[in-house]
Amino acid sequence: MDNSSKVFVAGHKGLVGSAIVRNLEKKSYKDVYWVRKENCDLRDKAKVDAYFEQAKPDYVFLAAAKVGGILANRDHPADFIYDNLMIQTNVIDAAYRNGVKKLLFLGSSCIYPKMAKQPITEDELLAGYLESSNDAYAIAKIAGIKMCQAYRKQYGFNAISLMPTNLYGPNDNFDHNSSHVLPALISKFHGSLEKSKHWVVKLWGDGSPKREFLHVDDLAEACYTCMQDYEGEEHINVGTGKDVTIKELAETIVDVVGYKNDYEWDTSKPNGTPRKVLNVDKIKSLGWEPKIELRKGIELTYEWYKNSIAS
């Protein structure tokens, strides 16, 4: 892939897709394509087929997905499994049938078993039972990996899969009820800055789970690296290889936002998986390294949030 290639980014408005578009534009790619949902709903096979027949991209980044936090996954599992299965099935099949040279599918580290050995290596896939709070989403993403592998095996289609850890950054979802933990904490603490000194922010769980966080611009560079240099059938992890407790994350966000009041943990709410950190030896062997340290990434994300959403 070079900057004269025609590149289609599915999910260009989302957290990941927008970062991939920014990355390609910085590298002077001129023919970067996307399609708005109102013009081509990726869940609609006929519309996806028609789009690919007309656009004829050379390369595809499949970043489109229905995503959300614990609450959204718990309350809408049918939406998560249906939408994601339809999107990835339609795009992967249309890409193959229209001569795409290479497709990169983006999954999620939630594909791994709840009690996977830590740090999680790629071969932990299907080695145990999933975290029940988001198993519908995880099963859809596992199906995406298997579809890429099946199309490679049966048709020789060059499809690869990346499994990123917890992501954050510009264009994230900051809604309390449907977002992931980091943007939800930013939104909660920022929204409470003007409250009285007696105001207390309530946080889910007990703060003990450990999570790994990767700035989405680092992921975008990993995607570019893999599109250029990775040809393997097996999916590949993308993360920092370092984790923090949710309590430590909250403390950092409180400091960055400047929140001065109290907060407390609601232990009636689920913690989710106790620990999740990826082994990233494979992606690092390609020469990629994350560059944005967690606190700096939170500072950058908070600035974007204040200027783009809270203003």
Protein backbone atom coordinates (compact mmCIF):
# COMPACT_ATOMS: atom_id res chain seq x y z
CA MET A 1 0.00 0.00 0.00
CA ASP A 2 1.34 3.43 -0.94
CA ASN A 3 -0.10 6.92 -1.03
CA SER A 4 -1.45 6.42 -4.55
CA SER A 5 -3.64 3.49 -3.39
CA LYS A 6 -7.42 3.75 -3.10
CA VAL A 7 -8.19 3.13 0.59
CA PHE A 8 -11.65 2.63 2.11
CA VAL A 9 -12.05 3.28 5.85
CA ALA A 10 -15.28 1.75 7.15
CA GLY A 11 -16.39 3.62 10.27
CA HIS A 12 -14.61 6.89 9.45
CA LYS A 13 -16.53 8.98 11.98
CA GLY A 14 -15.84 6.76 14.97
CA LEU A 15 -12.98 6.70 17.43
CA VAL A 16 -10.82 4.27 15.46
CA GLY A 17 -11.84 5.09 11.90
CA SER A 18 -11.26 8.82 12.33
CA ALA A 19 -7.79 8.13 13.75
CA ILE A 20 -6.94 5.94 10.75
CA VAL A 21 -8.10 8.70 8.38
CA ARG A 22 -5.93 11.25 10.24
CA ASN A 23 -2.96 8.89 10.07
CA LEU A 24 -3.32 8.35 6.32
CA GLU A 25 -3.78 12.04 5.64
CA LYS A 26 -0.57 12.82 7.55
CA LYS A 27 1.17 10.33 5.27
CA SER A 28 -0.18 12.20 2.21
CA TYR A 29 -2.67 9.54 1.07
CA LYS A 30 -4.94 11.24 -1.45
CA ASP A 31 -7.54 8.58 -2.29
CA VAL A 32 -9.02 7.82 1.14
CA TYR A 33 -12.70 6.91 0.91
CA TRP A 34 -15.53 6.55 3.37
CA VAL A 35 -19.28 6.40 3.20
CA ARG A 36 -21.92 7.93 5.46
CA LYS A 37 -24.45 5.64 7.09
CA GLU A 38 -27.37 7.46 5.49
CA ASN A 39 -25.87 6.72 2.06
CA CYS A 40 -24.79 3.13 2.73
CA ASP A 41 -25.85 1.30 5.86
CA LEU A 42 -23.13 -1.34 6.25
CA ARG A 43 -25.69 -3.74 7.72
CA ASP A 44 -27.43 -3.81 4.32
CA LYS A 45 -25.72 -6.34 2.03
CA ALA A 46 -27.17 -4.99 -1.21
CA LYS A 47 -26.00 -1.45 -0.46
CA VAL A 48 -22.54 -2.62 0.58
CA ASP A 49 -22.19 -4.72 -2.57
CA ALA A 50 -23.26 -1.79 -4.72
CA TYR A 51 -20.82 0.56 -3.00
CA PHE A 52 -17.84 -1.77 -3.49
CA GLU A 53 -18.74 -2.39 -7.13
CA GLN A 54 -18.71 1.37 -7.71
CA ALA A 55 -15.76 2.43 -5.50
CA LYS A 56 -13.38 -0.49 -6.18
CA PRO A 57 -10.95 0.24 -3.31
CA ASP A 58 -7.52 -1.38 -3.22
CA TYR A 59 -7.31 -1.63 0.58
CA VAL A 60 -9.90 -1.70 3.37
CA PHE A 61 -9.66 -0.81 7.05
CA LEU A 62 -12.74 -2.34 8.69
CA ALA A 63 -13.17 -0.14 11.78
CA ALA A 64 -16.97 0.14 11.67
CA ALA A 65 -18.68 -1.48 14.64
CA LYS A 66 -21.33 -1.04 17.28
CA VAL A 67 -19.43 -0.50 20.54
CA GLY A 68 -20.24 0.41 24.11
CA GLY A 69 -19.50 -0.10 27.78
CA ILE A 70 -20.80 -2.59 30.34
CA LEU A 71 -24.27 -1.04 30.67
CA ALA A 72 -24.89 -0.79 26.92
CA ASN A 73 -23.70 -4.36 26.34
CA ARG A 74 -25.82 -5.66 29.20
CA ASP A 75 -29.03 -3.97 28.06
CA HIS A 76 -28.69 -4.38 24.26
CA PRO A 77 -26.91 -7.68 23.53
CA ALA A 78 -29.07 -8.41 20.47
CA ASP A 79 -28.08 -5.10 18.87
CA PHE A 80 -24.40 -5.75 19.55
CA ILE A 81 -24.32 -9.21 18.04
CA TYR A 82 -26.62 -8.47 15.08
CA ASP A 83 -25.12 -5.15 13.99
CA ASN A 84 -21.53 -6.32 14.25
CA LEU A 85 -22.14 -9.63 12.49
CA MET A 86 -23.92 -7.87 9.62
CA ILE A 87 -21.34 -5.09 9.21
CA GLN A 88 -18.28 -7.33 9.15
CA THR A 89 -19.88 -10.10 7.08
CA ASN A 90 -21.04 -7.68 4.39
CA VAL A 91 -17.78 -5.73 4.19
CA ILE A 92 -15.42 -8.74 4.22
CA ASP A 93 -17.42 -10.56 1.56
CA ALA A 94 -17.81 -7.49 -0.68
CA ALA A 95 -14.10 -6.71 -0.36
CA TYR A 96 -13.15 -10.20 -1.50
CA ARG A 97 -15.64 -10.25 -4.38
CA ASN A 98 -14.46 -6.87 -5.67
CA GLY A 99 -10.76 -7.58 -5.79
CA VAL A 100 -9.55 -5.76 -2.68
CA LYS A 101 -5.82 -6.44 -2.26
CA LYS A 102 -5.86 -6.49 1.53
CA LEU A 103 -8.36 -6.00 4.35
CA LEU A 104 -7.63 -5.22 7.99
CA PHE A 105 -10.36 -6.21 10.48
CA LEU A 106 -10.42 -4.58 13.90
CA GLY A 107 -11.72 -6.62 16.79
CA SER A 108 -11.38 -6.15 20.53
CA SER A 109 -9.51 -7.69 23.44
CA CYS A 110 -12.88 -8.73 24.91
CA ILE A 111 -12.62 -11.80 22.64
CA TYR A 112 -10.43 -13.42 25.27
CA PRO A 113 -11.69 -15.57 28.15
CA LYS A 114 -12.64 -13.83 31.39
CA MET A 115 -9.93 -15.70 33.29
CA ALA A 116 -7.30 -15.73 30.54
CA LYS A 117 -3.67 -16.04 31.57
CA GLN A 118 -2.06 -12.62 31.92
CA PRO A 119 -0.54 -10.96 29.93
CA ILE A 120 -2.87 -12.38 27.27
CA THR A 121 -1.21 -13.98 24.25
CA GLU A 122 -2.98 -14.50 20.95
CA ASP A 123 -3.35 -18.25 21.55
CA GLU A 124 -5.66 -17.64 24.55
CA LEU A 125 -8.55 -17.20 22.09
CA LEU A 126 -11.32 -19.75 22.87
CA ALA A 127 -9.33 -21.15 25.80
CA GLY A 128 -12.13 -20.49 28.32
CA TYR A 129 -15.50 -18.86 28.93
CA LEU A 130 -16.14 -15.21 28.09
CA GLU A 131 -17.03 -12.32 30.37
CA SER A 132 -20.84 -12.52 30.43
CA SER A 133 -21.42 -8.75 30.45
CA ASN A 134 -20.25 -8.39 26.81
CA ASP A 135 -20.23 -11.92 25.41
CA ALA A 136 -22.60 -11.07 22.52
CA TYR A 137 -20.18 -8.42 21.25
CA ALA A 138 -17.19 -10.71 21.83
CA ILE A 139 -18.76 -13.58 19.89
CA ALA A 140 -19.43 -11.27 16.95
CA LYS A 141 -15.78 -10.16 16.94
CA ILE A 142 -14.55 -13.76 17.19
CA ALA A 143 -16.72 -14.54 14.16
CA GLY A 144 -14.99 -11.70 12.30
CA ILE A 145 -11.57 -13.20 13.00
CA LYS A 146 -12.76 -16.61 11.84
CA MET A 147 -14.32 -15.15 8.70
CA CYS A 148 -11.03 -13.49 7.75
CA GLN A 149 -9.22 -16.78 8.32
CA ALA A 150 -11.82 -18.77 6.36
CA TYR A 151 -11.72 -16.41 3.37
CA ARG A 152 -7.92 -16.58 3.44
CA LYS A 153 -7.98 -20.40 3.54
CA GLN A 154 -10.71 -20.99 0.94
CA TYR A 155 -10.21 -18.05 -1.42
CA GLY A 156 -6.67 -16.83 -0.75
CA PHE A 157 -8.06 -13.46 0.35
CA ASN A 158 -5.47 -11.35 2.17
CA ALA A 159 -7.41 -10.47 5.32
CA ILE A 160 -5.71 -9.79 8.67
CA SER A 161 -7.15 -9.11 12.14
CA LEU A 162 -5.97 -6.79 14.91
CA MET A 163 -7.20 -7.03 18.51
CA PRO A 164 -6.66 -3.71 20.30
CA THR A 165 -6.89 -3.19 24.03
CA ASN A 166 -9.12 -0.50 25.62
CA LEU A 167 -8.95 2.59 23.43
CA TYR A 168 -9.51 6.30 24.07
CA GLY A 169 -8.98 9.62 22.34
CA PRO A 170 -10.71 12.14 20.04
CA ASN A 171 -14.17 11.21 18.73
CA ASP A 172 -14.80 8.76 21.54
CA ASN A 173 -18.27 8.28 23.02
CA PHE A 174 -18.53 10.23 26.30
CA ASP A 175 -22.12 9.33 27.20
CA HIS A 176 -22.32 8.01 30.79
CA ASN A 177 -24.75 5.24 29.92
CA SER A 178 -23.10 3.77 26.84
CA SER A 179 -19.40 4.67 26.87
CA HIS A 180 -16.32 2.85 28.09
CA VAL A 181 -14.77 3.63 31.45
CA LEU A 182 -12.15 6.25 30.55
CA PRO A 183 -14.37 8.65 28.57
CA ALA A 184 -17.20 8.08 31.06
CA LEU A 185 -14.95 9.19 33.93
CA ILE A 186 -13.82 12.28 32.02
CA SER A 187 -17.43 13.21 31.34
CA LYS A 188 -18.59 12.53 34.90
CA PHE A 189 -15.87 14.51 36.63
CA HIS A 190 -15.98 17.41 34.16
CA GLY A 191 -19.77 17.58 34.46
CA SER A 192 -19.44 17.82 38.24
CA LEU A 193 -16.93 20.69 38.36
CA GLU A 194 -19.62 23.28 39.07
CA LYS A 195 -21.52 21.21 41.65
CA SER A 196 -21.65 22.15 45.34
CA LYS A 197 -18.90 20.96 47.67
CA HIS A 198 -21.32 18.31 48.99
CA TRP A 199 -21.68 16.68 45.57
CA VAL A 200 -20.34 13.12 45.34
CA VAL A 201 -19.61 11.37 42.02
CA LYS A 202 -20.56 7.68 42.04
CA LEU A 203 -18.39 5.24 40.13
CA TRP A 204 -19.13 1.65 39.09
CA GLY A 205 -17.65 -1.30 40.96
CA ASP A 206 -14.90 -1.12 43.57
CA GLY A 207 -12.03 0.24 41.48
CA SER A 208 -9.94 -2.94 41.73
CA PRO A 209 -10.07 -4.29 38.15
CA LYS A 210 -6.92 -3.73 36.11
CA ARG A 211 -7.11 -2.42 32.58
CA GLU A 212 -4.73 -1.45 29.80
CA PHE A 213 -5.36 1.74 27.80
CA LEU A 214 -4.05 2.73 24.38
CA HIS A 215 -4.44 6.11 22.71
CA VAL A 216 -6.24 5.68 19.41
CA ASP A 217 -3.53 7.52 17.44
CA ASP A 218 -1.07 4.83 18.53
CA LEU A 219 -3.54 2.20 17.32
CA ALA A 220 -3.85 3.95 13.95
CA GLU A 221 -0.09 3.73 13.48
CA ALA A 222 -0.22 0.04 14.44
CA CYS A 223 -2.91 -0.51 11.80
CA TYR A 224 -0.74 1.18 9.19
CA THR A 225 2.27 -0.92 10.21
CA CYS A 226 0.29 -4.15 9.94
CA MET A 227 -1.27 -3.20 6.62
CA GLN A 228 2.26 -2.71 5.31
CA ASP A 229 4.17 -5.51 7.03
CA TYR A 230 1.91 -8.22 8.51
CA GLU A 231 0.62 -11.10 6.41
CA GLY A 232 -0.21 -13.67 9.09
CA GLU A 233 -3.38 -15.71 9.46
CA GLU A 234 -3.43 -15.36 13.25
CA HIS A 235 -4.87 -12.20 14.78
CA ILE A 236 -2.40 -9.85 16.44
CA ASN A 237 -2.71 -7.98 19.76
CA VAL A 238 -2.22 -4.22 19.98
CA GLY A 239 -1.69 -2.51 23.33
CA THR A 240 0.88 -1.04 25.69
CA GLY A 241 1.52 -4.19 27.72
CA LYS A 242 0.97 -2.11 30.89
CA ASP A 243 -2.13 -1.93 33.08
CA VAL A 244 -3.53 0.24 35.89
CA THR A 245 -6.37 -0.25 38.33
CA ILE A 246 -9.59 1.60 37.63
CA LYS A 247 -9.00 3.39 40.95
CA GLU A 248 -5.63 4.63 39.69
CA LEU A 249 -7.24 5.69 36.42
CA ALA A 250 -9.91 7.65 38.30
CA GLU A 251 -7.27 9.38 40.42
CA THR A 252 -5.37 10.47 37.30
CA ILE A 253 -8.52 11.79 35.62
CA VAL A 254 -9.56 13.65 38.79
CA ASP A 255 -6.16 15.37 38.77
CA VAL A 256 -6.26 16.21 35.04
CA VAL A 257 -9.83 17.54 35.16
CA GLY A 258 -9.28 19.42 38.43
CA TYR A 259 -12.24 17.88 40.25
CA LYS A 260 -12.11 18.79 43.97
CA ASN A 261 -15.14 17.06 45.53
CA ASP A 262 -15.52 13.50 46.78
CA TYR A 263 -16.31 10.38 44.78
CA GLU A 264 -17.32 6.90 45.91
CA TRP A 265 -17.52 3.40 44.48
CA ASP A 266 -20.88 1.70 43.95
CA THR A 267 -20.05 -1.93 44.68
CA SER A 268 -23.55 -3.06 43.67
CA LYS A 269 -22.43 -2.50 40.05
CA PRO A 270 -20.31 -5.14 38.24
CA ASN A 271 -16.54 -4.91 37.93
CA GLY A 272 -16.30 -6.99 34.77
CA THR A 273 -13.14 -8.98 34.06
CA PRO A 274 -10.69 -8.70 37.00
CA ARG A 275 -7.61 -8.06 34.88
CA LYS A 276 -6.94 -7.60 31.19
CA VAL A 277 -3.52 -6.76 29.77
CA LEU A 278 -2.20 -7.93 26.43
CA ASN A 279 1.06 -9.52 25.46
CA VAL A 280 2.22 -7.30 22.59
CA ASP A 281 5.48 -9.00 21.63
CA LYS A 282 4.14 -9.87 18.18
CA ILE A 283 3.20 -6.32 17.13
CA LYS A 284 6.44 -4.95 18.62
CA SER A 285 8.43 -7.42 16.50
CA LEU A 286 7.18 -5.45 13.47
CA GLY A 287 8.85 -2.31 14.80
CA TRP A 288 5.76 -0.64 16.28
CA GLU A 289 5.79 0.90 19.77
CA PRO A 290 3.13 3.01 21.53
CA LYS A 291 4.27 6.61 21.90
CA ILE A 292 1.58 8.36 23.96
CA GLU A 293 1.91 7.81 27.72
CA LEU A 294 -1.40 7.39 29.59
CA ARG A 295 -1.48 10.67 31.50
CA LYS A 296 -0.45 12.66 28.42
CA GLY A 297 -3.11 10.85 26.40
CA ILE A 298 -5.76 11.69 29.00
CA GLU A 299 -4.67 15.34 28.93
CA LEU A 300 -4.96 15.43 25.13
CA THR A 301 -8.33 13.70 25.22
CA TYR A 302 -9.67 16.06 27.88
CA GLU A 303 -8.62 19.08 25.84
CA TRP A 304 -10.42 17.65 22.80
CA TYR A 305 -13.49 16.91 24.93
CA LYS A 306 -13.62 20.47 26.32
CA ASN A 307 -13.24 22.03 22.88
CA SER A 308 -15.49 19.69 20.90
CA ILE A 309 -18.20 18.40 23.24
CA ALA A 310 -18.34 20.31 26.53
CA SER A 311 -18.03 23.77 24.96
